[in-house]
C-alpha atoms as a PDB file:
ATOM      1  CA  MET A   1     119.115  66.501 114.527  1.00  0.00           C
ATOM      2  CA  TYR A   2     115.451  66.584 113.486  1.00  0.00           C
ATOM      3  CA  LYS A   3     114.291  69.809 111.076  1.00  0.00           C
ATOM      4  CA  ILE A   4     111.056  71.268 111.661  1.00  0.00           C
ATOM      5  CA  LYS A   5     108.966  71.061 108.949  1.00  0.00           C
ATOM      6  CA  THR A   6     107.453  74.105 107.801  1.00  0.00           C
ATOM      7  CA  LEU A   7     104.280  76.679 106.108  1.00  0.00           C
ATOM      8  CA  GLY A   8     105.227  79.841 104.544  1.00  0.00           C
ATOM      9  CA  LEU A   9     102.284  81.650 104.246  1.00  0.00           C
ATOM     10  CA  PHE A  10     102.255  85.326 103.159  1.00  0.00           C
ATOM     11  CA  SER A  11     105.732  84.772 102.035  1.00  0.00           C
ATOM     12  CA  GLY A  12     106.183  88.060  99.511  1.00  0.00           C
ATOM     13  CA  GLY A  13     109.599  88.503  98.835  1.00  0.00           C
ATOM     14  CA  GLY A  14     111.267  86.163 101.509  1.00  0.00           C
ATOM     15  CA  GLY A  15     112.037  87.501 104.762  1.00  0.00           C
ATOM     16  CA  LEU A  16     110.594  85.132 106.908  1.00  0.00           C
ATOM     17  CA  ASP A  17     110.921  82.269 104.519  1.00  0.00           C
ATOM     18  CA  LEU A  18     115.101  83.717 104.643  1.00  0.00           C
ATOM     19  CA  GLY A  19     115.600  83.827 108.277  1.00  0.00           C
ATOM     20  CA  VAL A  20     113.980  81.014 109.546  1.00  0.00           C
ATOM     21  CA  GLN A  21     116.094  78.484 107.317  1.00  0.00           C
ATOM     22  CA  ALA A  22     119.455  80.457 108.250  1.00  0.00           C
ATOM     23  CA  ALA A  23     118.091  79.743 111.629  1.00  0.00           C
ATOM     24  CA  GLY A  24     117.971  75.654 111.077  1.00  0.00           C
ATOM     25  CA  PHE A  25     113.968  74.980 109.751  1.00  0.00           C
ATOM     26  CA  SER A  26     112.890  73.272 106.806  1.00  0.00           C
ATOM     27  CA  THR A  27     110.690  74.865 104.223  1.00  0.00           C
ATOM     28  CA  LEU A  28     108.105  72.417 102.673  1.00  0.00           C
ATOM     29  CA  LEU A  29     106.029  74.734 100.708  1.00  0.00           C
ATOM     30  CA  SER A  30     105.592  78.932 100.306  1.00  0.00           C
ATOM     31  CA  SER A  31     102.737  80.898  99.225  1.00  0.00           C
ATOM     32  CA  ASP A  32     102.038  83.655  98.154  1.00  0.00           C
ATOM     33  CA  ILE A  33      99.778  85.412  96.036  1.00  0.00           C
ATOM     34  CA  ASP A  34     101.728  87.852  94.384  1.00  0.00           C
ATOM     35  CA  ALA A  35     103.542  86.684  90.803  1.00  0.00           C
ATOM     36  CA  TYR A  36     106.705  88.637  91.327  1.00  0.00           C
ATOM     37  CA  SER A  37     107.338  87.420  94.797  1.00  0.00           C
ATOM     38  CA  CYS A  38     106.590  84.249  93.481  1.00  0.00           C
ATOM     39  CA  GLN A  39     109.615  84.545  91.219  1.00  0.00           C
ATOM     40  CA  THR A  40     111.764  85.372  93.702  1.00  0.00           C
ATOM     41  CA  LEU A  41     111.264  82.552  95.747  1.00  0.00           C
ATOM     42  CA  LEU A  42     111.848  80.692  93.612  1.00  0.00           C
ATOM     43  CA  ASN A  43     114.814  82.550  91.924  1.00  0.00           C
ATOM     44  CA  ASN A  44     116.865  82.035  95.050  1.00  0.00           C
ATOM     45  CA  GLN A  45     115.775  78.469  96.105  1.00  0.00           C
ATOM     46  CA  GLY A  46     119.346  76.341  96.310  1.00  0.00           C
ATOM     47  CA  LYS A  47     121.308  79.175  96.724  1.00  0.00           C
ATOM     48  CA  LYS A  48     122.666  78.641 100.021  1.00  0.00           C
ATOM     49  CA  PRO A  49     122.843  75.067 101.471  1.00  0.00           C
ATOM     50  CA  TYR A  50     120.166  75.972 103.918  1.00  0.00           C
ATOM     51  CA  LEU A  51     117.287  77.011 101.096  1.00  0.00           C
ATOM     52  CA  SER A  52     115.919  74.067 100.111  1.00  0.00           C
ATOM     53  CA  LYS A  53     114.632  73.352  96.428  1.00  0.00           C
ATOM     54  CA  HIS A  54     110.521  73.120  97.500  1.00  0.00           C
ATOM     55  CA  PRO A  55     107.005  73.926  95.384  1.00  0.00           C
ATOM     56  CA  VAL A  56     106.084  77.848  95.613  1.00  0.00           C
ATOM     57  CA  LEU A  57     101.984  77.980  95.843  1.00  0.00           C
ATOM     58  CA  CYS A  58     100.775  81.134  93.688  1.00  0.00           C
ATOM     59  CA  ALA A  59      97.446  81.646  94.474  1.00  0.00           C
ATOM     60  CA  ASP A  60      94.693  83.666  97.080  1.00  0.00           C
ATOM     61  CA  ILE A  61      94.780  81.781 100.246  1.00  0.00           C
ATOM     62  CA  ARG A  62      91.506  82.205 100.126  1.00  0.00           C
ATOM     63  CA  SER A  63      91.510  79.488  97.221  1.00  0.00           C
ATOM     64  CA  ILE A  64      93.800  76.996  99.656  1.00  0.00           C
ATOM     65  CA  ASP A  65      93.064  74.298 101.594  1.00  0.00           C
ATOM     66  CA  HIS A  66      94.763  71.750 103.615  1.00  0.00           C
ATOM     67  CA  LYS A  67      94.143  69.239 100.311  1.00  0.00           C
ATOM     68  CA  ILE A  68      96.041  71.384  97.947  1.00  0.00           C
ATOM     69  CA  ILE A  69      98.727  71.746 100.499  1.00  0.00           C
ATOM     70  CA  LYS A  70      98.759  68.146 101.023  1.00  0.00           C
ATOM     71  CA  ARG A  71      99.003  67.438  97.162  1.00  0.00           C
ATOM     72  CA  GLN A  72     102.671  69.576  97.142  1.00  0.00           C
ATOM     73  CA  ILE A  73     104.133  68.309  99.961  1.00  0.00           C
ATOM     74  CA  GLY A  74     102.991  64.745 100.279  1.00  0.00           C
ATOM     75  CA  LYS A  75     102.195  62.974 103.427  1.00  0.00           C
ATOM     76  CA  ALA A  76     104.906  64.865 105.591  1.00  0.00           C
ATOM     77  CA  ASP A  77     102.789  66.752 108.776  1.00  0.00           C
ATOM     78  CA  ILE A  78     103.796  70.548 109.216  1.00  0.00           C
ATOM     79  CA  ASP A  79     105.137  70.893 112.053  1.00  0.00           C
ATOM     80  CA  PHE A  80     105.434  75.124 112.109  1.00  0.00           C
ATOM     81  CA  ILE A  81     103.216  78.298 110.166  1.00  0.00           C
ATOM     82  CA  ILE A  82     105.195  81.543 109.476  1.00  0.00           C
ATOM     83  CA  GLY A  83     103.338  84.446 107.604  1.00  0.00           C
ATOM     84  CA  GLY A  84     102.337  87.864 108.453  1.00  0.00           C
ATOM     85  CA  PRO A  85      98.740  89.078 106.463  1.00  0.00           C
ATOM     86  CA  PRO A  86      98.736  92.234 104.291  1.00  0.00           C
ATOM     87  CA  CYS A  87      99.374  94.752 107.300  1.00  0.00           C
ATOM     88  CA  GLN A  88      97.944  98.017 105.767  1.00  0.00           C
ATOM     89  CA  ALA A  89      94.900  97.110 107.113  1.00  0.00           C
ATOM     90  CA  PHE A  90      95.789  97.873 110.576  1.00  0.00           C
ATOM     91  CA  SER A  91      99.050 100.322 109.865  1.00  0.00           C
ATOM     92  CA  VAL A  92      98.954 103.829 111.518  1.00  0.00           C
ATOM     93  CA  PHE A  93     100.212 104.988 107.161  1.00  0.00           C
ATOM     94  CA  GLY A  94      96.662 103.342 106.474  1.00  0.00           C
ATOM     95  CA  LYS A  95      93.196 103.951 107.431  1.00  0.00           C
ATOM     96  CA  ARG A  96      93.385 101.941 110.283  1.00  0.00           C
ATOM     97  CA  LYS A  97      90.646  99.604 109.149  1.00  0.00           C
ATOM     98  CA  GLY A  98      91.524  96.518 110.999  1.00  0.00           C
ATOM     99  CA  LEU A  99      88.837  93.641 110.199  1.00  0.00           C
ATOM    100  CA  GLY A 100      86.715  95.907 108.284  1.00  0.00           C
ATOM    101  CA  ASP A 101      89.014  96.029 105.357  1.00  0.00           C
ATOM    102  CA  PRO A 102      89.186  92.923 103.515  1.00  0.00           C
ATOM    103  CA  ARG A 103      92.738  92.928 103.719  1.00  0.00           C
ATOM    104  CA  GLY A 104      92.305  92.249 107.678  1.00  0.00           C
ATOM    105  CA  ASN A 105      90.058  89.586 106.910  1.00  0.00           C
ATOM    106  CA  LEU A 106      93.103  87.723 105.789  1.00  0.00           C
ATOM    107  CA  VAL A 107      93.891  86.914 109.367  1.00  0.00           C
ATOM    108  CA  PHE A 108      91.188  84.798 109.745  1.00  0.00           C
ATOM    109  CA  GLU A 109      92.326  82.635 106.418  1.00  0.00           C
ATOM    110  CA  TYR A 110      95.500  82.388 107.888  1.00  0.00           C
ATOM    111  CA  SER A 111      93.941  81.135 111.391  1.00  0.00           C
ATOM    112  CA  ARG A 112      91.679  78.625 108.896  1.00  0.00           C
ATOM    113  CA  ILE A 113      94.828  77.011 107.171  1.00  0.00           C
ATOM    114  CA  ILE A 114      96.358  76.486 110.790  1.00  0.00           C
ATOM    115  CA  LYS A 115      92.650  74.679 112.169  1.00  0.00           C
ATOM    116  CA  GLU A 116      93.122  72.360 109.070  1.00  0.00           C
ATOM    117  CA  LEU A 117      97.002  71.315 109.445  1.00  0.00           C
ATOM    118  CA  SER A 118      97.074  71.910 113.519  1.00  0.00           C
ATOM    119  CA  PRO A 119     101.128  72.495 113.017  1.00  0.00           C
ATOM    120  CA  GLU A 120     102.576  72.354 116.243  1.00  0.00           C
ATOM    121  CA  ALA A 121     103.131  76.442 116.649  1.00  0.00           C
ATOM    122  CA  PHE A 122     102.712  79.242 114.242  1.00  0.00           C
ATOM    123  CA  LEU A 123     104.533  82.945 113.666  1.00  0.00           C
ATOM    124  CA  PHE A 124     102.395  85.758 113.202  1.00  0.00           C
ATOM    125  CA  GLU A 125     104.120  88.766 112.207  1.00  0.00           C
ATOM    126  CA  ASN A 126     102.358  92.195 112.379  1.00  0.00           C
ATOM    127  CA  VAL A 127     102.572  96.079 112.065  1.00  0.00           C
ATOM    128  CA  ALA A 128     102.270  97.215 115.928  1.00  0.00           C
ATOM    129  CA  GLY A 129      99.588 100.211 114.887  1.00  0.00           C
ATOM    130  CA  LEU A 130      97.198  96.720 115.329  1.00  0.00           C
ATOM    131  CA  LYS A 131      97.649  97.062 118.854  1.00  0.00           C
ATOM    132  CA  THR A 132      96.212 100.588 119.420  1.00  0.00           C
ATOM    133  CA  ILE A 133      93.088 100.653 116.504  1.00  0.00           C
ATOM    134  CA  HIS A 134      89.418 100.975 118.266  1.00  0.00           C
ATOM    135  CA  GLY A 135      90.853 101.529 121.416  1.00  0.00           C
ATOM    136  CA  GLY A 136      92.549  97.703 121.703  1.00  0.00           C
ATOM    137  CA  VAL A 137      89.696  95.765 121.119  1.00  0.00           C
ATOM    138  CA  LEU A 138      90.667  94.977 117.523  1.00  0.00           C
ATOM    139  CA  TYR A 139      93.962  93.146 119.586  1.00  0.00           C
ATOM    140  CA  LYS A 140      91.911  91.096 122.017  1.00  0.00           C
ATOM    141  CA  GLU A 141      89.971  90.131 118.891  1.00  0.00           C
ATOM    142  CA  LEU A 142      92.966  88.691 116.743  1.00  0.00           C
ATOM    143  CA  LEU A 143      94.247  87.309 120.090  1.00  0.00           C
ATOM    144  CA  GLU A 144      91.595  85.372 120.102  1.00  0.00           C
ATOM    145  CA  VAL A 145      91.089  84.067 116.875  1.00  0.00           C
ATOM    146  CA  LEU A 146      94.662  83.232 116.610  1.00  0.00           C
ATOM    147  CA  SER A 147      94.451  80.733 119.987  1.00  0.00           C
ATOM    148  CA  LEU A 148      91.747  79.028 117.762  1.00  0.00           C
ATOM    149  CA  ASN A 149      89.581  78.821 121.129  1.00  0.00           C
ATOM    150  CA  GLY A 150      91.782  78.189 123.289  1.00  0.00           C
ATOM    151  CA  LYS A 151      93.863  75.184 121.498  1.00  0.00           C
ATOM    152  CA  TYR A 152      96.876  77.591 121.150  1.00  0.00           C
ATOM    153  CA  SER A 153      99.035  79.624 123.872  1.00  0.00           C
ATOM    154  CA  ILE A 154      99.628  82.881 122.387  1.00  0.00           C
ATOM    155  CA  SER A 155     102.667  85.065 123.327  1.00  0.00           C
ATOM    156  CA  ALA A 156     102.602  88.320 121.499  1.00  0.00           C
ATOM    157  CA  HIS A 157     105.711  91.180 121.906  1.00  0.00           C
ATOM    158  CA  GLU A 158     106.203  94.165 120.273  1.00  0.00           C
ATOM    159  CA  TYR A 159     110.042  94.781 118.910  1.00  0.00           C
ATOM    160  CA  ASP A 160     111.645  97.346 117.708  1.00  0.00           C
ATOM    161  CA  LEU A 161     114.262  95.961 115.264  1.00  0.00           C
ATOM    162  CA  ALA A 162     116.739  98.144 116.023  1.00  0.00           C
ATOM    163  CA  ASP A 163     117.458  96.700 118.946  1.00  0.00           C
ATOM    164  CA  TYR A 164     118.163  93.688 117.386  1.00  0.00           C
ATOM    165  CA  GLY A 165     120.886  94.493 115.173  1.00  0.00           C
ATOM    166  CA  VAL A 166     118.785  95.722 112.370  1.00  0.00           C
ATOM    167  CA  PRO A 167     119.712  99.232 110.599  1.00  0.00           C
ATOM    168  CA  GLN A 168     115.874 100.577 110.934  1.00  0.00           C
ATOM    169  CA  PHE A 169     113.633 101.656 113.754  1.00  0.00           C
ATOM    170  CA  ARG A 170     110.899  99.054 112.727  1.00  0.00           C
ATOM    171  CA  LYS A 171     108.226  98.601 115.260  1.00  0.00           C
ATOM    172  CA  ARG A 172     106.496  94.974 114.719  1.00  0.00           C
ATOM    173  CA  VAL A 173     103.890  92.742 116.858  1.00  0.00           C
ATOM    174  CA  PHE A 174     105.026  89.070 116.409  1.00  0.00           C
ATOM    175  CA  PHE A 175     102.792  86.534 118.119  1.00  0.00           C
ATOM    176  CA  VAL A 176     103.567  82.983 118.628  1.00  0.00           C
ATOM    177  CA  GLY A 177     100.641  80.259 119.163  1.00  0.00           C
ATOM    178  CA  THR A 178     101.615  76.974 120.440  1.00  0.00           C
ATOM    179  CA  LYS A 179      99.745  73.441 121.317  1.00  0.00           C
ATOM    180  CA  SER A 180     102.025  72.503 124.186  1.00  0.00           C
ATOM    181  CA  GLY A 181     100.874  75.850 126.005  1.00  0.00           C
ATOM    182  CA  LYS A 182     104.339  77.160 126.480  1.00  0.00           C
ATOM    183  CA  GLN A 183     105.107  80.759 126.136  1.00  0.00           C
ATOM    184  CA  LEU A 184     107.313  82.143 124.591  1.00  0.00           C
ATOM    185  CA  PRO A 185     109.631  84.871 126.686  1.00  0.00           C
ATOM    186  CA  LYS A 186     110.499  88.278 124.813  1.00  0.00           C
ATOM    187  CA  LEU A 187     113.675  88.584 123.854  1.00  0.00           C
ATOM    188  CA  THR A 188     116.140  90.393 125.704  1.00  0.00           C
ATOM    189  CA  PRO A 189     117.290  93.808 123.529  1.00  0.00           C
ATOM    190  CA  THR A 190     121.204  93.949 122.528  1.00  0.00           C
ATOM    191  CA  HIS A 191     121.409  96.979 120.429  1.00  0.00           C
ATOM    192  CA  GLY A 192     121.159 100.277 122.154  1.00  0.00           C
ATOM    193  CA  ALA A 193     121.948 102.415 125.583  1.00  0.00           C
ATOM    194  CA  ASP A 194     124.561 100.439 127.050  1.00  0.00           C
ATOM    195  CA  LEU A 195     124.322  97.361 124.544  1.00  0.00           C
ATOM    196  CA  LEU A 196     126.446  96.816 121.403  1.00  0.00           C
ATOM    197  CA  PRO A 197     126.094 100.087 119.119  1.00  0.00           C
ATOM    198  CA  PHE A 198     123.174 100.506 116.940  1.00  0.00           C
ATOM    199  CA  SER A 199     123.991  99.007 112.918  1.00  0.00           C
ATOM    200  CA  THR A 200     123.628 102.059 110.991  1.00  0.00           C
ATOM    201  CA  ALA A 201     122.305 103.258 107.945  1.00  0.00           C
ATOM    202  CA  GLY A 202     126.005 103.872 107.191  1.00  0.00           C
ATOM    203  CA  ALA A 203     127.151 100.758 107.396  1.00  0.00           C
ATOM    204  CA  ALA A 204     123.876  99.571 105.257  1.00  0.00           C
ATOM    205  CA  LEU A 205     124.811 101.558 102.370  1.00  0.00           C
ATOM    206  CA  SER A 206     128.612 101.090 102.400  1.00  0.00           C
ATOM    207  CA  ASN A 207     130.436 100.005  99.815  1.00  0.00           C
ATOM    208  CA  LEU A 208     128.186  99.657  96.801  1.00  0.00           C
ATOM    209  CA  PRO A 209     128.592 100.570  93.546  1.00  0.00           C
ATOM    210  CA  THR A 210     127.525 104.129  91.780  1.00  0.00           C
ATOM    211  CA  PRO A 211     123.465 103.029  90.701  1.00  0.00           C
ATOM    212  CA  ILE A 212     122.132 102.654  87.471  1.00  0.00           C
ATOM    213  CA  THR A 213     118.835 104.659  86.896  1.00  0.00           C
ATOM    214  CA  ASP A 214     117.333 102.497  83.908  1.00  0.00           C
ATOM    215  CA  TRP A 215     115.502  99.358  85.065  1.00  0.00           C
ATOM    216  CA  LYS A 216     116.539  98.215  81.449  1.00  0.00           C
ATOM    217  CA  GLY A 217     120.569  97.703  82.292  1.00  0.00           C
ATOM    218  CA  ASN A 218     122.733  95.126  84.054  1.00  0.00           C
ATOM    219  CA  PRO A 219     123.251  97.540  87.618  1.00  0.00           C
ATOM    220  CA  HIS A 220     126.060  95.161  89.364  1.00  0.00           C
ATOM    221  CA  ILE A 221     123.691  94.360  92.331  1.00  0.00           C
ATOM    222  CA  ASN A 222     120.307  93.568  91.311  1.00  0.00           C
ATOM    223  CA  GLY A 223     117.619  96.045  92.357  1.00  0.00           C
ATOM    224  CA  HIS A 224     120.308  98.567  92.824  1.00  0.00           C
ATOM    225  CA  VAL A 225     118.572 100.943  90.355  1.00  0.00           C
ATOM    226  CA  GLY A 226     117.994 104.680  91.057  1.00  0.00           C
ATOM    227  CA  ARG A 227     115.415 107.372  90.072  1.00  0.00           C
ATOM    228  CA  LYS A 228     116.531 109.836  87.817  1.00  0.00           C
ATOM    229  CA  HIS A 229     115.902 113.288  90.135  1.00  0.00           C
ATOM    230  CA  SER A 230     115.681 116.713  88.389  1.00  0.00           C
ATOM    231  CA  GLU A 231     117.965 119.536  89.129  1.00  0.00           C
ATOM    232  CA  ARG A 232     115.380 121.146  91.467  1.00  0.00           C
ATOM    233  CA  ILE A 233     115.228 118.052  93.366  1.00  0.00           C
ATOM    234  CA  ILE A 234     119.168 117.671  93.400  1.00  0.00           C
ATOM    235  CA  GLU A 235     119.306 120.945  95.518  1.00  0.00           C
ATOM    236  CA  ARG A 236     116.492 120.366  97.968  1.00  0.00           C
ATOM    237  CA  TYR A 237     118.283 117.094  98.320  1.00  0.00           C
ATOM    238  CA  GLU A 238     121.403 118.417  99.085  1.00  0.00           C
ATOM    239  CA  SER A 239     120.106 120.928 101.053  1.00  0.00           C
ATOM    240  CA  LEU A 240     118.394 118.856 104.038  1.00  0.00           C
ATOM    241  CA  VAL A 241     120.441 117.936 106.985  1.00  0.00           C
ATOM    242  CA  PHE A 242     120.199 115.089 108.496  1.00  0.00           C
ATOM    243  CA  GLY A 243     116.807 113.101 109.602  1.00  0.00           C
ATOM    244  CA  GLU A 244     115.081 116.070 107.953  1.00  0.00           C
ATOM    245  CA  ARG A 245     112.313 115.700 105.535  1.00  0.00           C
ATOM    246  CA  ASP A 246     111.935 116.993 102.027  1.00  0.00           C
ATOM    247  CA  HIS A 247     108.859 119.072 102.476  1.00  0.00           C
ATOM    248  CA  LYS A 248     107.554 117.602  98.206  1.00  0.00           C
ATOM    249  CA  THR A 249     108.422 113.862  98.171  1.00  0.00           C
ATOM    250  CA  ARG A 250     107.928 113.877 102.118  1.00  0.00           C
ATOM    251  CA  ILE A 251     110.613 111.357 102.789  1.00  0.00           C
ATOM    252  CA  ASN A 252     113.590 111.719 105.205  1.00  0.00           C
ATOM    253  CA  LYS A 253     117.352 112.313 104.460  1.00  0.00           C
ATOM    254  CA  LEU A 254     118.741 109.446 106.417  1.00  0.00           C
ATOM    255  CA  ASN A 255     122.064 109.789 109.010  1.00  0.00           C
ATOM    256  CA  PRO A 256     124.764 107.749 108.750  1.00  0.00           C
ATOM    257  CA  SER A 257     125.467 107.318 112.048  1.00  0.00           C
ATOM    258  CA  LYS A 258     121.851 105.960 113.207  1.00  0.00           C
ATOM    259  CA  PRO A 259     119.103 103.341 112.139  1.00  0.00           C
ATOM    260  CA  SER A 260     117.548 104.127 108.690  1.00  0.00           C
ATOM    261  CA  PHE A 261     113.608 105.791 109.741  1.00  0.00           C
ATOM    262  CA  THR A 262     111.223 102.471 108.792  1.00  0.00           C
ATOM    263  CA  ILE A 263     110.947 101.312 104.879  1.00  0.00           C
ATOM    264  CA  ILE A 264     107.591 101.693 103.875  1.00  0.00           C
ATOM    265  CA  VAL A 265     105.564 100.306 100.921  1.00  0.00           C
ATOM    266  CA  GLY A 266     103.388 102.813  99.476  1.00  0.00           C
ATOM    267  CA  SER A 267      99.671 102.347  98.524  1.00  0.00           C
ATOM    268  CA  ASP A 268      98.469  99.372  96.524  1.00  0.00           C
ATOM    269  CA  ALA A 269      99.005 101.312  93.188  1.00  0.00           C
ATOM    270  CA  GLY A 270     102.710 102.171  93.754  1.00  0.00           C
ATOM    271  CA  GLY A 271     104.395 104.480  95.865  1.00  0.00           C
ATOM    272  CA  GLY A 272     106.932 103.249  98.388  1.00  0.00           C
ATOM    273  CA  LYS A 273     109.639 105.402  97.823  1.00  0.00           C
ATOM    274  CA  GLY A 274     113.166 105.114  99.517  1.00  0.00           C
ATOM    275  CA  HIS A 275     114.736 107.821 101.984  1.00  0.00           C
ATOM    276  CA  VAL A 276     117.351 110.541 100.484  1.00  0.00           C
ATOM    277  CA  HIS A 277     120.584 108.851 100.911  1.00  0.00           C
ATOM    278  CA  PRO A 278     123.074 110.207 103.995  1.00  0.00           C
ATOM    279  CA  MET A 279     125.849 110.709 101.300  1.00  0.00           C
ATOM    280  CA  GLU A 280     124.366 111.688  97.794  1.00  0.00           C
ATOM    281  CA  PRO A 281     121.524 113.593  96.360  1.00  0.00           C
ATOM    282  CA  ARG A 282     119.393 110.960  95.525  1.00  0.00           C
ATOM    283  CA  GLU A 283     116.817 108.444  96.656  1.00  0.00           C
ATOM    284  CA  VAL A 284     117.945 105.280  98.071  1.00  0.00           C
ATOM    285  CA  THR A 285     117.621 102.263  95.503  1.00  0.00           C
ATOM    286  CA  PRO A 286     115.641  99.089  96.234  1.00  0.00           C
ATOM    287  CA  ARG A 287     118.414  97.146  96.917  1.00  0.00           C
ATOM    288  CA  GLU A 288     119.960  99.772  99.317  1.00  0.00           C
ATOM    289  CA  SER A 289     116.542  99.182 100.806  1.00  0.00           C
ATOM    290  CA  ALA A 290     116.757  95.946 100.781  1.00  0.00           C
ATOM    291  CA  ARG A 291     120.384  95.989 102.712  1.00  0.00           C
ATOM    292  CA  ILE A 292     118.510  98.025 105.683  1.00  0.00           C
ATOM    293  CA  GLN A 293     116.198  95.785 105.454  1.00  0.00           C
ATOM    294  CA  THR A 294     119.368  93.313 106.317  1.00  0.00           C
ATOM    295  CA  PHE A 295     118.652  91.467 103.220  1.00  0.00           C
ATOM    296  CA  PRO A 296     122.047  89.946 101.232  1.00  0.00           C
ATOM    297  CA  ASP A 297     123.052  91.131  98.333  1.00  0.00           C
ATOM    298  CA  TRP A 298     122.508  88.157  96.597  1.00  0.00           C
ATOM    299  CA  TRP A 299     119.164  87.640  97.265  1.00  0.00           C
ATOM    300  CA  GLU A 300     117.521  87.855  93.790  1.00  0.00           C
ATOM    301  CA  PHE A 301     114.149  90.467  93.678  1.00  0.00           C
ATOM    302  CA  ALA A 302     112.372  89.677  90.387  1.00  0.00           C
ATOM    303  CA  GLY A 303     110.720  92.561  88.794  1.00  0.00           C
ATOM    304  CA  THR A 304     111.442  96.130  88.633  1.00  0.00           C
ATOM    305  CA  GLY A 305     110.909  99.513  89.800  1.00  0.00           C
ATOM    306  CA  ARG A 306     107.567  99.058  92.518  1.00  0.00           C
ATOM    307  CA  HIS A 307     107.476  95.829  92.350  1.00  0.00           C
ATOM    308  CA  VAL A 308     110.600  95.443  94.546  1.00  0.00           C
ATOM    309  CA  ILE A 309     110.363  97.749  96.556  1.00  0.00           C
ATOM    310  CA  ARG A 310     106.684  96.432  97.896  1.00  0.00           C
ATOM    311  CA  GLN A 311     109.115  92.761  98.091  1.00  0.00           C
ATOM    312  CA  VAL A 312     111.371  94.411 100.555  1.00  0.00           C
ATOM    313  CA  GLY A 313     108.685  97.228 102.713  1.00  0.00           C
ATOM    314  CA  ASN A 314     106.392  93.982 103.142  1.00  0.00           C
ATOM    315  CA  ALA A 315     109.180  91.882 104.973  1.00  0.00           C
ATOM    316  CA  VAL A 316     110.483  90.660 107.869  1.00  0.00           C
ATOM    317  CA  PRO A 317     114.140  91.769 107.738  1.00  0.00           C
ATOM    318  CA  PRO A 318     115.801  87.801 107.405  1.00  0.00           C
ATOM    319  CA  LEU A 319     117.874  88.342 110.338  1.00  0.00           C
ATOM    320  CA  PHE A 320     115.536  89.585 112.868  1.00  0.00           C
ATOM    321  CA  ALA A 321     113.361  86.521 111.469  1.00  0.00           C
ATOM    322  CA  ALA A 322     116.345  84.006 112.074  1.00  0.00           C
ATOM    323  CA  ILE A 323     116.895  86.117 115.724  1.00  0.00           C
ATOM    324  CA  ILE A 324     113.412  84.565 116.774  1.00  0.00           C
ATOM    325  CA  ALA A 325     113.033  81.260 114.274  1.00  0.00           C
ATOM    326  CA  THR A 326     116.551  80.122 116.621  1.00  0.00           C
ATOM    327  CA  GLN A 327     114.807  81.506 119.763  1.00  0.00           C
ATOM    328  CA  ILE A 328     111.541  79.108 118.915  1.00  0.00           C
ATOM    329  CA  ARG A 329     113.521  76.250 117.873  1.00  0.00           C
ATOM    330  CA  ARG A 330     115.199  76.518 121.467  1.00  0.00           C
ATOM    331  CA  GLU A 331     112.575  77.529 123.733  1.00  0.00           C
ATOM    332  CA  ILE A 332     108.963  75.568 121.746  1.00  0.00           C
ATOM    333  CA  PHE A 333     110.556  72.762 119.493  1.00  0.00           C
ATOM    334  CA  ASN A 334     113.432  71.700 122.737  1.00  0.00           C
ATOM    335  CA  GLN A 335     116.235  71.899 120.048  1.00  0.00           C
ATOM    336  CA  LYS A 336     119.834  72.949 120.877  1.00  0.00           C
ATOM    337  CA  THR A 337     121.141  75.523 119.222  1.00  0.00           C
ATOM    338  CA  THR A 338     124.598  77.361 119.403  1.00  0.00           C
ATOM    339  CA  SER A 339     123.775  79.817 116.875  1.00  0.00           C
ATOM    340  CA  ASN A 340     124.068  83.775 118.018  1.00  0.00           C
ATOM    341  CA  ILE A 341     123.421  87.117 116.488  1.00  0.00           C
ATOM    342  CA  ASN A 342     127.213  87.265 114.933  1.00  0.00           C
ATOM    343  CA  SER A 343     126.695  83.424 113.715  1.00  0.00           C
ATOM    344  CA  LEU A 344     123.255  84.711 111.981  1.00  0.00           C
ATOM    345  CA  VAL A 345     124.968  87.509 110.461  1.00  0.00           C
ATOM    346  CA  LYS A 346     127.745  85.425 108.643  1.00  0.00           C
ATOM    347  CA  LYS A 347     125.467  82.733 107.668  1.00  0.00           C
ATOM    348  CA  LEU A 348     123.299  85.516 105.941  1.00  0.00           C
ATOM    349  CA  ASP A 349     126.490  86.807 104.517  1.00  0.00           C
ATOM    350  CA  LEU A 350     125.335  89.985 105.765  1.00  0.00           C
ATOM    351  CA  ASN A 351     129.604  91.614 105.616  1.00  0.00           C
ATOM    352  CA  PHE A 352     127.914  95.255 105.082  1.00  0.00           C
ATOM    353  CA  LEU A 353     126.992  94.831 109.110  1.00  0.00           C
ATOM    354  CA  ILE A 354     130.071  93.149 110.468  1.00  0.00           C
ATOM    355  CA  ASP A 355     131.707  95.991 111.551  1.00  0.00           C
ATOM    356  CA  GLY A 356     128.980  96.721 113.584  1.00  0.00           C
ATOM    357  CA  TYR A 357     129.387  93.716 116.113  1.00  0.00           C
END
């Protein structure tokens, strides 16, 4: 079957890249400005048969154009472009400057690359908060920018990813543009009331060894390194009930029977603490946050501490990326696929979620 040739922009820690390749797409080039993210993408190439070995362009998108991309990939035409420009400019957790923020303006760079390469389709992901900035005016402007003056027909749907098997309440908007004029219907939820039970934080955090607390050590699983807490913090965390927020660190204690709260990144200066572990008086490790984001344990993140949690927190959960990419293969590229959520969970080696299906 023809492999849909894909370009990854703003690839970060690789959530979209991993998901679309698990769904059967062929990535010819990935790119990001962050050196740790680029190394993460390189670390994992070829680990599974569906993960291609391809160039990773570590550069500011403002310095990239179609000529540079073509020098990397050769004569092949790009069928599909994926990416989510930094979302802090649009997030309800940020200052919500929208297109007045330089990070918000990166959407114009994303659309410029689409215009230069003219793929059959593209996928653009961002936070749900952008729909309400300036009374929805920004959202309408984004639709116009991404349509390239009507060249692309845009489908835009908001999803809470917990409704699709991700063990985390996480609302995001996915825009899909097509040259053919096809509209992508909204995915039908698979989890929740009267459906499959939600995947839970308890399942995601199950069967992990005790984390070490020094990044110079050698954790059994990449990124499974915790923070050192004082006795005072440990006592506070022990006293919290499920779902309660600690008044000092302002993070919540997870409920093992429910999906996690949203994994967040923090500021450009750092931050991005995990939530409080449901059964132990400590914050979850970056690896535990990665599990909540549906990264498999074999996915190796480069860097330590905040470098890893920023890659994790910025990512599209690979499971949902694979689910929507499978739909795009079928609806937009007219390819038959037998993939479903069960097969994608197994393909991604998300063994900690299998009991929930």
